Amino acid sequence: MRKKEEPKSFFVPKEFTLIPTGVVALDQLLGIPRGHITLITGYPGSGKSTLGYSILGQALKSGLKAIYVDLESSFPAQADWAKLQGLDIEELEVWNNILLEDWVEATTDYLNAGERSCFLVDSVPGLIAREDSSYGYRARVLSDALPRFLKLMLNNDSAIIFLSQIRDNFDPTSHYPLISGGWALQHFSSLHINLVPMRYIVSSEQRVGQEIRFEIRKIKFGSHKALPRGSFFINFKEGLNPADELRDMLQKLGLAKTQNGVVKFQEQEFGPRKFLDYIRENKEAIIQLIKESVS
């Protein structure tokens, strides 16, 4: 019997409609699937909200209604930061100070109405119940609501994205970190992306940004040999920085090389800052070059 060949790379079936994330490395692999639930986790300060704002901005550009469930009361304080990630806040619908039961009812009504929407729930620990605030009650409500959401989402091509914190698990018998929302949220999520802060980007002895590693911990669509991972950059003044990300990808692929402070790329030489300016001006051509090199 002929052995079945394993897929050589990650691949998403054509029937899946994806919302871009705005992160080049992530969008090269996949995106946020419509008709499904996505879970984005990480420790505080790992860039979850920043990535979420970018996804909502891309959802608006894709013709979806964007709904930001603000459970941390971060708007309007974070409005300017969200704009930097490409989010048109004039087109954004924000739900503030909403209780768990009211959120379930409002989300169900929206999905029943049939309008294609992208919901960003920021974040799960803020889903406070009207009376019973225990973790067990919240998990039970989610385990009841999520499968009903999924059935409705499949009909109108919507997406729900949950942001949730990872907490240290001090149980010596368990190797799994604690994620707010219980096992139901992890079970009904078709895509689970975990964010991990890595090295700082330093300029003139000042921290100006940070590299963030993403890890795909679960995926229920597409085929793959191994769960992919990659990294992107967040500039502390601008947010998601595709220029730094593309520069890093070019160097890893051997398409750009740095020697004695000079970057050599396609028979041209640049200083470090000039090279970033060149990438910004030729972003689409650089992305196409990377795609061709990877394939």
C-alpha atoms as a PDB file:
ATOM      1  CA  MET A   1       0.000   0.000   0.000  1.00  0.00           C
ATOM      2  CA  ARG A   2       1.384   3.367  -1.017  1.00  0.00           C
ATOM      3  CA  LYS A   3       2.212   5.604   1.908  1.00  0.00           C
ATOM      4  CA  LYS A   4       0.205   8.776   1.945  1.00  0.00           C
ATOM      5  CA  GLU A   5       2.383  11.857   1.423  1.00  0.00           C
ATOM      6  CA  GLU A   6       2.325  14.490   4.110  1.00  0.00           C
ATOM      7  CA  PRO A   7       1.776  18.090   3.057  1.00  0.00           C
ATOM      8  CA  LYS A   8       5.082  19.867   2.498  1.00  0.00           C
ATOM      9  CA  SER A   9       3.901  23.215   3.819  1.00  0.00           C
ATOM     10  CA  PHE A  10       1.019  24.876   5.567  1.00  0.00           C
ATOM     11  CA  PHE A  11      -1.973  25.338   3.366  1.00  0.00           C
ATOM     12  CA  VAL A  12      -5.503  26.678   3.762  1.00  0.00           C
ATOM     13  CA  PRO A  13      -8.361  25.278   1.624  1.00  0.00           C
ATOM     14  CA  LYS A  14      -9.910  27.718  -0.852  1.00  0.00           C
ATOM     15  CA  GLU A  15     -13.345  27.501   0.750  1.00  0.00           C
ATOM     16  CA  PHE A  16     -12.044  29.354   3.807  1.00  0.00           C
ATOM     17  CA  THR A  17     -12.383  33.128   3.706  1.00  0.00           C
ATOM     18  CA  LEU A  18      -9.656  34.766   5.758  1.00  0.00           C
ATOM     19  CA  ILE A  19      -9.348  38.219   7.298  1.00  0.00           C
ATOM     20  CA  PRO A  20      -5.757  39.516   7.047  1.00  0.00           C
ATOM     21  CA  THR A  21      -4.051  40.321  10.328  1.00  0.00           C
ATOM     22  CA  GLY A  22      -1.772  43.098   9.089  1.00  0.00           C
ATOM     23  CA  VAL A  23       1.244  41.042  10.196  1.00  0.00           C
ATOM     24  CA  VAL A  24       3.169  39.934   7.125  1.00  0.00           C
ATOM     25  CA  ALA A  25       4.549  36.711   8.602  1.00  0.00           C
ATOM     26  CA  LEU A  26       1.102  35.649   9.851  1.00  0.00           C
ATOM     27  CA  ASP A  27      -0.649  36.549   6.604  1.00  0.00           C
ATOM     28  CA  GLN A  28       1.899  34.513   4.654  1.00  0.00           C
ATOM     29  CA  LEU A  29       0.704  31.448   6.582  1.00  0.00           C
ATOM     30  CA  LEU A  30      -2.974  32.064   7.231  1.00  0.00           C
ATOM     31  CA  GLY A  31      -5.363  34.714   8.558  1.00  0.00           C
ATOM     32  CA  ILE A  32      -8.423  34.961  10.760  1.00  0.00           C
ATOM     33  CA  PRO A  33     -11.048  32.506   9.440  1.00  0.00           C
ATOM     34  CA  ARG A  34     -14.585  33.765   8.975  1.00  0.00           C
ATOM     35  CA  GLY A  35     -17.308  31.531  10.341  1.00  0.00           C
ATOM     36  CA  HIS A  36     -15.039  30.488  13.186  1.00  0.00           C
ATOM     37  CA  ILE A  37     -13.797  31.496  16.625  1.00  0.00           C
ATOM     38  CA  THR A  38     -10.192  32.619  17.091  1.00  0.00           C
ATOM     39  CA  LEU A  39      -8.386  32.751  20.422  1.00  0.00           C
ATOM     40  CA  ILE A  40      -5.344  35.018  20.893  1.00  0.00           C
ATOM     41  CA  THR A  41      -3.481  34.548  24.177  1.00  0.00           C
ATOM     42  CA  GLY A  42      -0.376  35.875  25.851  1.00  0.00           C
ATOM     43  CA  TYR A  43       1.007  37.406  29.009  1.00  0.00           C
ATOM     44  CA  PRO A  44       0.245  41.098  29.701  1.00  0.00           C
ATOM     45  CA  GLY A  45       2.145  43.370  27.327  1.00  0.00           C
ATOM     46  CA  SER A  46       2.543  40.764  24.583  1.00  0.00           C
ATOM     47  CA  GLY A  47       0.714  42.818  21.921  1.00  0.00           C
ATOM     48  CA  LYS A  48      -2.707  41.129  21.955  1.00  0.00           C
ATOM     49  CA  SER A  49      -4.750  44.337  21.767  1.00  0.00           C
ATOM     50  CA  THR A  50      -2.414  45.870  19.188  1.00  0.00           C
ATOM     51  CA  LEU A  51      -2.813  42.842  16.939  1.00  0.00           C
ATOM     52  CA  GLY A  52      -6.564  42.897  17.581  1.00  0.00           C
ATOM     53  CA  TYR A  53      -6.863  46.540  16.462  1.00  0.00           C
ATOM     54  CA  SER A  54      -4.999  45.683  13.266  1.00  0.00           C
ATOM     55  CA  ILE A  55      -7.332  42.749  12.555  1.00  0.00           C
ATOM     56  CA  LEU A  56     -10.415  44.930  13.068  1.00  0.00           C
ATOM     57  CA  GLY A  57      -8.941  47.478  10.653  1.00  0.00           C
ATOM     58  CA  GLN A  58      -8.427  44.750   8.059  1.00  0.00           C
ATOM     59  CA  ALA A  59     -11.980  43.463   8.680  1.00  0.00           C
ATOM     60  CA  LEU A  60     -13.396  46.908   7.881  1.00  0.00           C
ATOM     61  CA  LYS A  61     -11.376  47.008   4.667  1.00  0.00           C
ATOM     62  CA  SER A  62     -12.811  43.583   3.803  1.00  0.00           C
ATOM     63  CA  GLY A  63     -16.365  44.925   4.058  1.00  0.00           C
ATOM     64  CA  LEU A  64     -17.240  43.548   7.507  1.00  0.00           C
ATOM     65  CA  LYS A  65     -18.758  45.471  10.378  1.00  0.00           C
ATOM     66  CA  ALA A  66     -16.204  45.831  13.200  1.00  0.00           C
ATOM     67  CA  ILE A  67     -17.378  45.524  16.800  1.00  0.00           C
ATOM     68  CA  TYR A  68     -14.963  46.092  19.675  1.00  0.00           C
ATOM     69  CA  VAL A  69     -16.177  44.621  22.967  1.00  0.00           C
ATOM     70  CA  ASP A  70     -14.220  46.825  25.357  1.00  0.00           C
ATOM     71  CA  LEU A  71     -14.209  44.993  28.676  1.00  0.00           C
ATOM     72  CA  GLU A  72     -11.115  46.786  30.019  1.00  0.00           C
ATOM     73  CA  SER A  73     -12.452  50.340  29.509  1.00  0.00           C
ATOM     74  CA  SER A  74      -9.487  51.125  27.249  1.00  0.00           C
ATOM     75  CA  PHE A  75     -11.441  53.298  24.802  1.00  0.00           C
ATOM     76  CA  PRO A  76     -11.205  56.175  24.087  1.00  0.00           C
ATOM     77  CA  ALA A  77      -7.770  56.238  25.743  1.00  0.00           C
ATOM     78  CA  GLN A  78      -6.449  53.731  23.186  1.00  0.00           C
ATOM     79  CA  ALA A  79      -8.182  55.325  20.190  1.00  0.00           C
ATOM     80  CA  ASP A  80      -5.054  57.039  18.825  1.00  0.00           C
ATOM     81  CA  TRP A  81      -3.037  53.819  19.187  1.00  0.00           C
ATOM     82  CA  ALA A  82      -5.783  51.913  17.360  1.00  0.00           C
ATOM     83  CA  LYS A  83      -5.665  54.457  14.506  1.00  0.00           C
ATOM     84  CA  LEU A  84      -1.942  53.795  14.086  1.00  0.00           C
ATOM     85  CA  GLN A  85      -2.785  50.110  13.492  1.00  0.00           C
ATOM     86  CA  GLY A  86      -5.021  51.059  10.562  1.00  0.00           C
ATOM     87  CA  LEU A  87      -8.354  51.016  12.406  1.00  0.00           C
ATOM     88  CA  ASP A  88     -10.927  53.594  11.299  1.00  0.00           C
ATOM     89  CA  ILE A  89     -12.533  54.350  14.662  1.00  0.00           C
ATOM     90  CA  GLU A  90     -15.287  56.382  12.986  1.00  0.00           C
ATOM     91  CA  GLU A  91     -16.574  53.095  11.504  1.00  0.00           C
ATOM     92  CA  LEU A  92     -15.966  51.122  14.704  1.00  0.00           C
ATOM     93  CA  GLU A  93     -18.804  50.107  17.015  1.00  0.00           C
ATOM     94  CA  VAL A  94     -17.697  49.917  20.657  1.00  0.00           C
ATOM     95  CA  TRP A  95     -19.518  48.058  23.411  1.00  0.00           C
ATOM     96  CA  ASN A  96     -18.502  49.349  26.853  1.00  0.00           C
ATOM     97  CA  ASN A  97     -19.331  48.084  30.332  1.00  0.00           C
ATOM     98  CA  ILE A  98     -21.389  45.145  29.101  1.00  0.00           C
ATOM     99  CA  LEU A  99     -22.163  42.216  31.374  1.00  0.00           C
ATOM    100  CA  LEU A 100     -21.648  38.595  30.370  1.00  0.00           C
ATOM    101  CA  GLU A 101     -25.334  37.783  29.896  1.00  0.00           C
ATOM    102  CA  ASP A 102     -25.995  41.014  27.953  1.00  0.00           C
ATOM    103  CA  TRP A 103     -22.984  40.349  25.715  1.00  0.00           C
ATOM    104  CA  VAL A 104     -24.268  36.864  24.863  1.00  0.00           C
ATOM    105  CA  GLU A 105     -27.713  38.269  24.021  1.00  0.00           C
ATOM    106  CA  ALA A 106     -26.364  41.188  21.945  1.00  0.00           C
ATOM    107  CA  THR A 107     -23.946  38.981  20.006  1.00  0.00           C
ATOM    108  CA  THR A 108     -26.708  36.458  19.303  1.00  0.00           C
ATOM    109  CA  ASP A 109     -28.982  39.242  18.005  1.00  0.00           C
ATOM    110  CA  TYR A 110     -26.254  40.554  15.696  1.00  0.00           C
ATOM    111  CA  LEU A 111     -25.502  37.118  14.284  1.00  0.00           C
ATOM    112  CA  ASN A 112     -29.200  36.361  13.838  1.00  0.00           C
ATOM    113  CA  ALA A 113     -29.599  39.607  11.885  1.00  0.00           C
ATOM    114  CA  GLY A 114     -27.239  38.175   9.279  1.00  0.00           C
ATOM    115  CA  GLU A 115     -24.869  41.151   9.015  1.00  0.00           C
ATOM    116  CA  ARG A 116     -21.297  40.042   8.379  1.00  0.00           C
ATOM    117  CA  SER A 117     -19.322  41.177  11.400  1.00  0.00           C
ATOM    118  CA  CYS A 118     -15.984  40.783  13.135  1.00  0.00           C
ATOM    119  CA  PHE A 119     -16.131  40.887  16.943  1.00  0.00           C
ATOM    120  CA  LEU A 120     -13.061  41.514  19.088  1.00  0.00           C
ATOM    121  CA  VAL A 121     -13.583  40.617  22.761  1.00  0.00           C
ATOM    122  CA  ASP A 122     -10.908  42.395  24.824  1.00  0.00           C
ATOM    123  CA  SER A 123     -10.549  40.558  27.066  1.00  0.00           C
ATOM    124  CA  VAL A 124     -12.122  37.387  28.459  1.00  0.00           C
ATOM    125  CA  PRO A 125     -11.394  38.066  32.185  1.00  0.00           C
ATOM    126  CA  GLY A 126     -13.576  41.177  31.835  1.00  0.00           C
ATOM    127  CA  LEU A 127     -16.707  39.119  31.084  1.00  0.00           C
ATOM    128  CA  ILE A 128     -18.356  39.717  34.450  1.00  0.00           C
ATOM    129  CA  ALA A 129     -21.696  38.085  35.176  1.00  0.00           C
ATOM    130  CA  ARG A 130     -24.678  39.984  36.557  1.00  0.00           C
ATOM    131  CA  GLU A 131     -24.927  37.936  39.745  1.00  0.00           C
ATOM    132  CA  ASP A 132     -22.574  34.940  39.860  1.00  0.00           C
ATOM    133  CA  SER A 133     -19.002  36.147  39.169  1.00  0.00           C
ATOM    134  CA  SER A 134     -17.293  32.802  39.708  1.00  0.00           C
ATOM    135  CA  TYR A 135     -14.990  31.372  37.023  1.00  0.00           C
ATOM    136  CA  GLY A 136     -17.099  28.220  36.894  1.00  0.00           C
ATOM    137  CA  TYR A 137     -20.259  30.142  36.008  1.00  0.00           C
ATOM    138  CA  ARG A 138     -18.513  32.108  33.253  1.00  0.00           C
ATOM    139  CA  ALA A 139     -17.128  28.892  31.787  1.00  0.00           C
ATOM    140  CA  ARG A 140     -20.603  27.323  31.796  1.00  0.00           C
ATOM    141  CA  VAL A 141     -22.139  30.321  30.032  1.00  0.00           C
ATOM    142  CA  LEU A 142     -19.408  30.243  27.387  1.00  0.00           C
ATOM    143  CA  SER A 143     -19.751  26.488  26.878  1.00  0.00           C
ATOM    144  CA  ASP A 144     -23.450  27.049  26.172  1.00  0.00           C
ATOM    145  CA  ALA A 145     -23.091  30.172  23.999  1.00  0.00           C
ATOM    146  CA  LEU A 146     -20.079  29.317  21.817  1.00  0.00           C
ATOM    147  CA  PRO A 147     -21.572  26.365  19.886  1.00  0.00           C
ATOM    148  CA  ARG A 148     -24.681  28.468  19.199  1.00  0.00           C
ATOM    149  CA  PHE A 149     -22.469  31.312  17.959  1.00  0.00           C
ATOM    150  CA  LEU A 150     -20.634  28.924  15.648  1.00  0.00           C
ATOM    151  CA  LYS A 151     -23.822  27.765  13.939  1.00  0.00           C
ATOM    152  CA  LEU A 152     -24.899  31.349  13.313  1.00  0.00           C
ATOM    153  CA  MET A 153     -21.422  32.467  12.181  1.00  0.00           C
ATOM    154  CA  LEU A 154     -21.200  29.746   9.554  1.00  0.00           C
ATOM    155  CA  ASN A 155     -24.356  31.144   7.951  1.00  0.00           C
ATOM    156  CA  ASN A 156     -23.294  34.796   7.724  1.00  0.00           C
ATOM    157  CA  ASP A 157     -19.485  34.548   7.375  1.00  0.00           C
ATOM    158  CA  SER A 158     -18.733  36.435  10.591  1.00  0.00           C
ATOM    159  CA  ALA A 159     -15.813  35.990  12.996  1.00  0.00           C
ATOM    160  CA  ILE A 160     -15.312  36.288  16.745  1.00  0.00           C
ATOM    161  CA  ILE A 161     -11.850  36.895  18.194  1.00  0.00           C
ATOM    162  CA  PHE A 162     -11.221  36.474  21.915  1.00  0.00           C
ATOM    163  CA  LEU A 163      -8.206  37.985  23.650  1.00  0.00           C
ATOM    164  CA  SER A 164      -7.246  36.221  26.864  1.00  0.00           C
ATOM    165  CA  GLN A 165      -4.390  36.261  29.349  1.00  0.00           C
ATOM    166  CA  ILE A 166      -2.139  33.350  30.167  1.00  0.00           C
ATOM    167  CA  ARG A 167      -1.534  32.775  33.852  1.00  0.00           C
ATOM    168  CA  ASP A 168       1.145  30.675  35.492  1.00  0.00           C
ATOM    169  CA  ASN A 169      -0.047  27.243  36.576  1.00  0.00           C
ATOM    170  CA  PHE A 170       1.441  26.244  39.908  1.00  0.00           C
ATOM    171  CA  ASP A 171      -0.035  22.734  39.761  1.00  0.00           C
ATOM    172  CA  PRO A 172       3.042  20.424  39.614  1.00  0.00           C
ATOM    173  CA  THR A 173       0.974  17.715  37.883  1.00  0.00           C
ATOM    174  CA  SER A 174      -0.030  19.930  34.938  1.00  0.00           C
ATOM    175  CA  HIS A 175       2.113  21.187  32.072  1.00  0.00           C
ATOM    176  CA  TYR A 176      -0.599  23.485  30.694  1.00  0.00           C
ATOM    177  CA  PRO A 177      -0.801  27.224  31.482  1.00  0.00           C
ATOM    178  CA  LEU A 178      -4.105  28.605  32.738  1.00  0.00           C
ATOM    179  CA  ILE A 179      -6.197  30.490  30.153  1.00  0.00           C
ATOM    180  CA  SER A 180      -9.185  32.586  31.193  1.00  0.00           C
ATOM    181  CA  GLY A 181     -12.429  31.301  29.745  1.00  0.00           C
ATOM    182  CA  GLY A 182     -12.053  27.657  30.643  1.00  0.00           C
ATOM    183  CA  TRP A 183     -11.657  24.654  28.370  1.00  0.00           C
ATOM    184  CA  ALA A 184     -14.812  25.490  26.389  1.00  0.00           C
ATOM    185  CA  LEU A 185     -13.182  28.563  24.840  1.00  0.00           C
ATOM    186  CA  GLN A 186     -10.118  26.558  23.839  1.00  0.00           C
ATOM    187  CA  HIS A 187     -12.232  23.680  22.552  1.00  0.00           C
ATOM    188  CA  PHE A 188     -14.543  25.740  20.325  1.00  0.00           C
ATOM    189  CA  SER A 189     -11.747  27.927  18.926  1.00  0.00           C
ATOM    190  CA  SER A 190     -10.708  26.885  15.431  1.00  0.00           C
ATOM    191  CA  LEU A 191      -7.502  28.901  15.679  1.00  0.00           C
ATOM    192  CA  HIS A 192      -5.357  29.589  18.751  1.00  0.00           C
ATOM    193  CA  ILE A 193      -2.488  32.074  18.421  1.00  0.00           C
ATOM    194  CA  ASN A 194      -0.181  32.608  21.396  1.00  0.00           C
ATOM    195  CA  LEU A 195       2.030  35.716  21.596  1.00  0.00           C
ATOM    196  CA  VAL A 196       5.376  35.752  23.420  1.00  0.00           C
ATOM    197  CA  PRO A 197       7.443  38.944  23.968  1.00  0.00           C
ATOM    198  CA  MET A 198      11.060  38.477  22.876  1.00  0.00           C
ATOM    199  CA  ARG A 199      14.043  40.828  22.538  1.00  0.00           C
ATOM    200  CA  TYR A 200      13.819  44.603  22.729  1.00  0.00           C
ATOM    201  CA  ILE A 201      14.799  46.765  19.769  1.00  0.00           C
ATOM    202  CA  VAL A 202      17.340  49.331  20.975  1.00  0.00           C
ATOM    203  CA  SER A 203      18.319  52.575  19.256  1.00  0.00           C
ATOM    204  CA  SER A 204      20.714  55.114  20.826  1.00  0.00           C
ATOM    205  CA  GLU A 205      20.537  53.134  24.078  1.00  0.00           C
ATOM    206  CA  GLN A 206      16.743  53.580  24.172  1.00  0.00           C
ATOM    207  CA  ARG A 207      14.172  50.795  23.850  1.00  0.00           C
ATOM    208  CA  VAL A 208      12.131  51.718  20.779  1.00  0.00           C
ATOM    209  CA  GLY A 209      10.322  48.454  20.104  1.00  0.00           C
ATOM    210  CA  GLN A 210      10.067  44.741  20.743  1.00  0.00           C
ATOM    211  CA  GLU A 211      10.032  41.532  18.779  1.00  0.00           C
ATOM    212  CA  ILE A 212       6.930  39.390  19.363  1.00  0.00           C
ATOM    213  CA  ARG A 213       6.917  35.683  18.568  1.00  0.00           C
ATOM    214  CA  PHE A 214       3.635  34.102  17.506  1.00  0.00           C
ATOM    215  CA  GLU A 215       2.922  30.411  17.990  1.00  0.00           C
ATOM    216  CA  ILE A 216      -0.001  28.609  16.351  1.00  0.00           C
ATOM    217  CA  ARG A 217      -1.064  26.274  19.152  1.00  0.00           C
ATOM    218  CA  LYS A 218      -4.202  24.906  17.540  1.00  0.00           C
ATOM    219  CA  ILE A 219      -5.782  24.949  14.114  1.00  0.00           C
ATOM    220  CA  LYS A 220      -8.842  23.130  12.817  1.00  0.00           C
ATOM    221  CA  PHE A 221      -8.533  23.998   9.146  1.00  0.00           C
ATOM    222  CA  GLY A 222      -5.846  23.554   6.521  1.00  0.00           C
ATOM    223  CA  SER A 223      -3.086  20.974   6.559  1.00  0.00           C
ATOM    224  CA  HIS A 224       0.411  21.169   7.936  1.00  0.00           C
ATOM    225  CA  LYS A 225       3.384  19.110   9.035  1.00  0.00           C
ATOM    226  CA  ALA A 226       3.901  21.095  12.204  1.00  0.00           C
ATOM    227  CA  LEU A 227       2.198  24.025  13.849  1.00  0.00           C
ATOM    228  CA  PRO A 228       3.898  27.125  12.391  1.00  0.00           C
ATOM    229  CA  ARG A 229       5.476  29.996  14.276  1.00  0.00           C
ATOM    230  CA  GLY A 230       7.148  33.251  13.381  1.00  0.00           C
ATOM    231  CA  SER A 231       7.709  36.772  14.661  1.00  0.00           C
ATOM    232  CA  PHE A 232       6.815  40.395  14.081  1.00  0.00           C
ATOM    233  CA  PHE A 233       7.807  43.746  15.557  1.00  0.00           C
ATOM    234  CA  ILE A 234       5.974  46.397  17.552  1.00  0.00           C
ATOM    235  CA  ASN A 235       7.373  49.911  17.552  1.00  0.00           C
ATOM    236  CA  PHE A 236       6.559  51.682  20.816  1.00  0.00           C
ATOM    237  CA  LYS A 237       5.593  54.868  18.937  1.00  0.00           C
ATOM    238  CA  GLU A 238       3.968  53.431  15.808  1.00  0.00           C
ATOM    239  CA  GLY A 239       2.731  49.969  16.763  1.00  0.00           C
ATOM    240  CA  LEU A 240       2.992  47.141  14.238  1.00  0.00           C
ATOM    241  CA  ASN A 241       6.043  47.777  12.114  1.00  0.00           C
ATOM    242  CA  PRO A 242       6.029  45.810   8.845  1.00  0.00           C
ATOM    243  CA  ALA A 243       9.291  47.418   7.722  1.00  0.00           C
ATOM    244  CA  ASP A 244      11.247  45.865  10.601  1.00  0.00           C
ATOM    245  CA  GLU A 245       9.414  42.591  10.064  1.00  0.00           C
ATOM    246  CA  LEU A 246      10.193  42.502   6.325  1.00  0.00           C
ATOM    247  CA  ARG A 247      13.845  43.408   6.943  1.00  0.00           C
ATOM    248  CA  ASP A 248      14.123  40.514   9.386  1.00  0.00           C
ATOM    249  CA  MET A 249      12.524  38.110   6.880  1.00  0.00           C
ATOM    250  CA  LEU A 250      14.833  39.254   4.080  1.00  0.00           C
ATOM    251  CA  GLN A 251      17.866  38.646   6.287  1.00  0.00           C
ATOM    252  CA  LYS A 252      16.669  35.210   7.400  1.00  0.00           C
ATOM    253  CA  LEU A 253      16.112  34.205   3.756  1.00  0.00           C
ATOM    254  CA  GLY A 254      19.584  35.458   2.834  1.00  0.00           C
ATOM    255  CA  LEU A 255      18.181  38.052   0.430  1.00  0.00           C
ATOM    256  CA  ALA A 256      19.699  40.936   2.395  1.00  0.00           C
ATOM    257  CA  LYS A 257      23.065  40.848   4.140  1.00  0.00           C
ATOM    258  CA  THR A 258      24.616  43.297   6.574  1.00  0.00           C
ATOM    259  CA  GLN A 259      28.351  43.832   6.719  1.00  0.00           C
ATOM    260  CA  ASN A 260      30.160  46.607   8.608  1.00  0.00           C
ATOM    261  CA  GLY A 261      26.886  48.514   9.076  1.00  0.00           C
ATOM    262  CA  VAL A 262      26.035  48.411   5.369  1.00  0.00           C
ATOM    263  CA  VAL A 263      23.016  46.477   4.066  1.00  0.00           C
ATOM    264  CA  LYS A 264      23.487  44.827   0.681  1.00  0.00           C
ATOM    265  CA  PHE A 265      20.279  44.031  -1.198  1.00  0.00           C
ATOM    266  CA  GLN A 266      19.789  43.370  -4.910  1.00  0.00           C
ATOM    267  CA  GLU A 267      23.181  44.850  -5.857  1.00  0.00           C
ATOM    268  CA  GLN A 268      22.449  48.018  -3.879  1.00  0.00           C
ATOM    269  CA  GLU A 269      23.919  49.267  -0.625  1.00  0.00           C
ATOM    270  CA  PHE A 270      22.000  51.057   2.135  1.00  0.00           C
ATOM    271  CA  GLY A 271      22.502  52.371   5.606  1.00  0.00           C
ATOM    272  CA  PRO A 272      20.206  50.693   8.168  1.00  0.00           C
ATOM    273  CA  ARG A 273      17.663  53.550   8.253  1.00  0.00           C
ATOM    274  CA  LYS A 274      17.741  54.089   4.483  1.00  0.00           C
ATOM    275  CA  PHE A 275      17.071  50.392   4.007  1.00  0.00           C
ATOM    276  CA  LEU A 276      13.933  50.611   6.189  1.00  0.00           C
ATOM    277  CA  ASP A 277      12.785  53.629   4.148  1.00  0.00           C
ATOM    278  CA  TYR A 278      13.353  51.621   0.962  1.00  0.00           C
ATOM    279  CA  ILE A 279      11.263  48.750   2.333  1.00  0.00           C
ATOM    280  CA  ARG A 280       8.411  51.116   3.254  1.00  0.00           C
ATOM    281  CA  GLU A 281       8.417  52.600  -0.248  1.00  0.00           C
ATOM    282  CA  ASN A 282       8.514  49.178  -1.944  1.00  0.00           C
ATOM    283  CA  LYS A 283       6.470  47.140   0.536  1.00  0.00           C
ATOM    284  CA  GLU A 284       4.326  45.203  -1.968  1.00  0.00           C
ATOM    285  CA  ALA A 285       7.306  44.308  -4.174  1.00  0.00           C
ATOM    286  CA  ILE A 286       9.255  43.106  -1.116  1.00  0.00           C
ATOM    287  CA  ILE A 287       6.326  40.939   0.030  1.00  0.00           C
ATOM    288  CA  GLN A 288       6.060  39.405  -3.451  1.00  0.00           C
ATOM    289  CA  LEU A 289       9.798  38.689  -3.461  1.00  0.00           C
ATOM    290  CA  ILE A 290       9.511  36.931  -0.091  1.00  0.00           C
ATOM    291  CA  LYS A 291       6.550  34.869  -1.318  1.00  0.00           C
ATOM    292  CA  GLU A 292       8.507  33.722  -4.369  1.00  0.00           C
ATOM    293  CA  SER A 293      11.542  32.849  -2.251  1.00  0.00           C
ATOM    294  CA  VAL A 294       9.509  30.864   0.286  1.00  0.00           C
ATOM    295  CA  SER A 295       7.586  28.932  -2.374  1.00  0.00           C
END
